[in-house]
Amino acid sequence: MSGEHHDRRTRAADLMHLNAMVLEETEQSLHVSADERPGPAGERLHRLADAMTETAGDIAERARGLSDEVKKRGTSG
């Protein structure tokens, strides 16, 4: 893997990890807001927050895979 390609993949993985962390923080904030709103509005916010958690998990998993690929290629090539 060329150095430039390696760097781009590393940056992409780092940005994906950062995005996942931001989504998790937003999710926590949404749950707090949902707790302050009774009824259907609060329930919708909780569902939205849970969906964000799933998305953050998916992004983090993909970022780990990309990071692992970069590490693997970096040691073998």
C-alpha atoms as a PDB file:
ATOM      1  CA  MET A   1       0.000   0.000   0.000  1.00  0.00           C
ATOM      2  CA  SER A   2       1.431   3.359  -0.947  1.00  0.00           C
ATOM      3  CA  GLY A   3       2.099   5.851   1.798  1.00  0.00           C
ATOM      4  CA  GLU A   4      -0.495   8.279   0.464  1.00  0.00           C
ATOM      5  CA  HIS A   5      -3.151   5.567   0.202  1.00  0.00           C
ATOM      6  CA  HIS A   6      -2.284   4.389   3.719  1.00  0.00           C
ATOM      7  CA  ASP A   7      -2.576   7.959   5.042  1.00  0.00           C
ATOM      8  CA  ARG A   8      -5.969   8.480   3.374  1.00  0.00           C
ATOM      9  CA  ARG A   9      -7.326   5.263   4.842  1.00  0.00           C
ATOM     10  CA  THR A  10      -5.961   6.151   8.257  1.00  0.00           C
ATOM     11  CA  ARG A  11      -7.537   9.628   8.102  1.00  0.00           C
ATOM     12  CA  ALA A  12     -10.833   8.144   6.928  1.00  0.00           C
ATOM     13  CA  ALA A  13     -10.852   5.679   9.825  1.00  0.00           C
ATOM     14  CA  ASP A  14      -9.992   8.452  12.293  1.00  0.00           C
ATOM     15  CA  LEU A  15     -12.810  10.646  10.970  1.00  0.00           C
ATOM     16  CA  MET A  16     -15.248   7.748  11.132  1.00  0.00           C
ATOM     17  CA  HIS A  17     -14.305   7.116  14.769  1.00  0.00           C
ATOM     18  CA  LEU A  18     -14.795  10.811  15.509  1.00  0.00           C
ATOM     19  CA  ASN A  19     -18.191  10.839  13.797  1.00  0.00           C
ATOM     20  CA  ALA A  20     -19.284   7.814  15.801  1.00  0.00           C
ATOM     21  CA  MET A  21     -18.254   9.538  19.036  1.00  0.00           C
ATOM     22  CA  VAL A  22     -20.180  12.697  18.088  1.00  0.00           C
ATOM     23  CA  LEU A  23     -23.263  10.633  17.292  1.00  0.00           C
ATOM     24  CA  GLU A  24     -23.005   8.938  20.690  1.00  0.00           C
ATOM     25  CA  GLU A  25     -22.798  12.329  22.421  1.00  0.00           C
ATOM     26  CA  THR A  26     -25.809  13.555  20.447  1.00  0.00           C
ATOM     27  CA  GLU A  27     -27.669  10.387  21.347  1.00  0.00           C
ATOM     28  CA  GLN A  28     -27.088  11.025  25.042  1.00  0.00           C
ATOM     29  CA  SER A  29     -28.377  14.575  24.670  1.00  0.00           C
ATOM     30  CA  LEU A  30     -31.489  13.352  22.868  1.00  0.00           C
ATOM     31  CA  HIS A  31     -32.245  10.884  25.664  1.00  0.00           C
ATOM     32  CA  VAL A  32     -32.003  13.721  28.206  1.00  0.00           C
ATOM     33  CA  SER A  33     -34.365  15.839  26.100  1.00  0.00           C
ATOM     34  CA  ALA A  34     -36.702  12.879  25.695  1.00  0.00           C
ATOM     35  CA  ASP A  35     -36.833  12.370  29.460  1.00  0.00           C
ATOM     36  CA  GLU A  36     -37.991  15.981  29.818  1.00  0.00           C
ATOM     37  CA  ARG A  37     -40.884  15.492  27.367  1.00  0.00           C
ATOM     38  CA  PRO A  38     -43.693  13.186  28.389  1.00  0.00           C
ATOM     39  CA  GLY A  39     -45.798  11.316  25.900  1.00  0.00           C
ATOM     40  CA  PRO A  40     -45.338  10.722  22.199  1.00  0.00           C
ATOM     41  CA  ALA A  41     -42.733  13.459  21.677  1.00  0.00           C
ATOM     42  CA  GLY A  42     -40.441  11.944  24.282  1.00  0.00           C
ATOM     43  CA  GLU A  43     -40.978   8.460  22.898  1.00  0.00           C
ATOM     44  CA  ARG A  44     -40.049   9.651  19.388  1.00  0.00           C
ATOM     45  CA  LEU A  45     -36.889  11.291  20.703  1.00  0.00           C
ATOM     46  CA  HIS A  46     -35.906   8.076  22.494  1.00  0.00           C
ATOM     47  CA  ARG A  47     -36.422   6.095  19.268  1.00  0.00           C
ATOM     48  CA  LEU A  48     -34.367   8.629  17.324  1.00  0.00           C
ATOM     49  CA  ALA A  49     -31.602   8.452  19.929  1.00  0.00           C
ATOM     50  CA  ASP A  50     -31.616   4.653  19.772  1.00  0.00           C
ATOM     51  CA  ALA A  51     -31.359   4.782  15.978  1.00  0.00           C
ATOM     52  CA  MET A  52     -28.390   7.128  16.319  1.00  0.00           C
ATOM     53  CA  THR A  53     -26.727   4.635  18.649  1.00  0.00           C
ATOM     54  CA  GLU A  54     -27.136   1.914  16.040  1.00  0.00           C
ATOM     55  CA  THR A  55     -25.716   4.165  13.342  1.00  0.00           C
ATOM     56  CA  ALA A  56     -22.786   5.158  15.546  1.00  0.00           C
ATOM     57  CA  GLY A  57     -22.085   1.487  16.215  1.00  0.00           C
ATOM     58  CA  ASP A  58     -22.148   0.696  12.499  1.00  0.00           C
ATOM     59  CA  ILE A  59     -19.757   3.552  11.737  1.00  0.00           C
ATOM     60  CA  ALA A  60     -17.403   2.542  14.552  1.00  0.00           C
ATOM     61  CA  GLU A  61     -17.403  -1.067  13.342  1.00  0.00           C
ATOM     62  CA  ARG A  62     -16.542   0.005   9.797  1.00  0.00           C
ATOM     63  CA  ALA A  63     -13.823   2.311  11.108  1.00  0.00           C
ATOM     64  CA  ARG A  64     -12.314  -0.548  13.133  1.00  0.00           C
ATOM     65  CA  GLY A  65     -12.319  -2.723  10.022  1.00  0.00           C
ATOM     66  CA  LEU A  66     -10.589  -0.012   8.031  1.00  0.00           C
ATOM     67  CA  SER A  67      -8.056   0.579  10.809  1.00  0.00           C
ATOM     68  CA  ASP A  68      -7.368  -3.143  11.037  1.00  0.00           C
ATOM     69  CA  GLU A  69      -6.882  -3.307   7.260  1.00  0.00           C
ATOM     70  CA  VAL A  70      -4.421  -0.405   7.363  1.00  0.00           C
ATOM     71  CA  LYS A  71      -2.470  -2.041  10.207  1.00  0.00           C
ATOM     72  CA  LYS A  72      -2.459  -5.401   8.477  1.00  0.00           C
ATOM     73  CA  ARG A  73      -1.238  -3.987   5.175  1.00  0.00           C
ATOM     74  CA  GLY A  74       1.253  -1.768   6.932  1.00  0.00           C
ATOM     75  CA  THR A  75       2.991  -4.733   8.554  1.00  0.00           C
ATOM     76  CA  SER A  76       2.800  -7.071   5.578  1.00  0.00           C
ATOM     77  CA  GLY A  77       3.758  -4.738   2.755  1.00  0.00           C
END
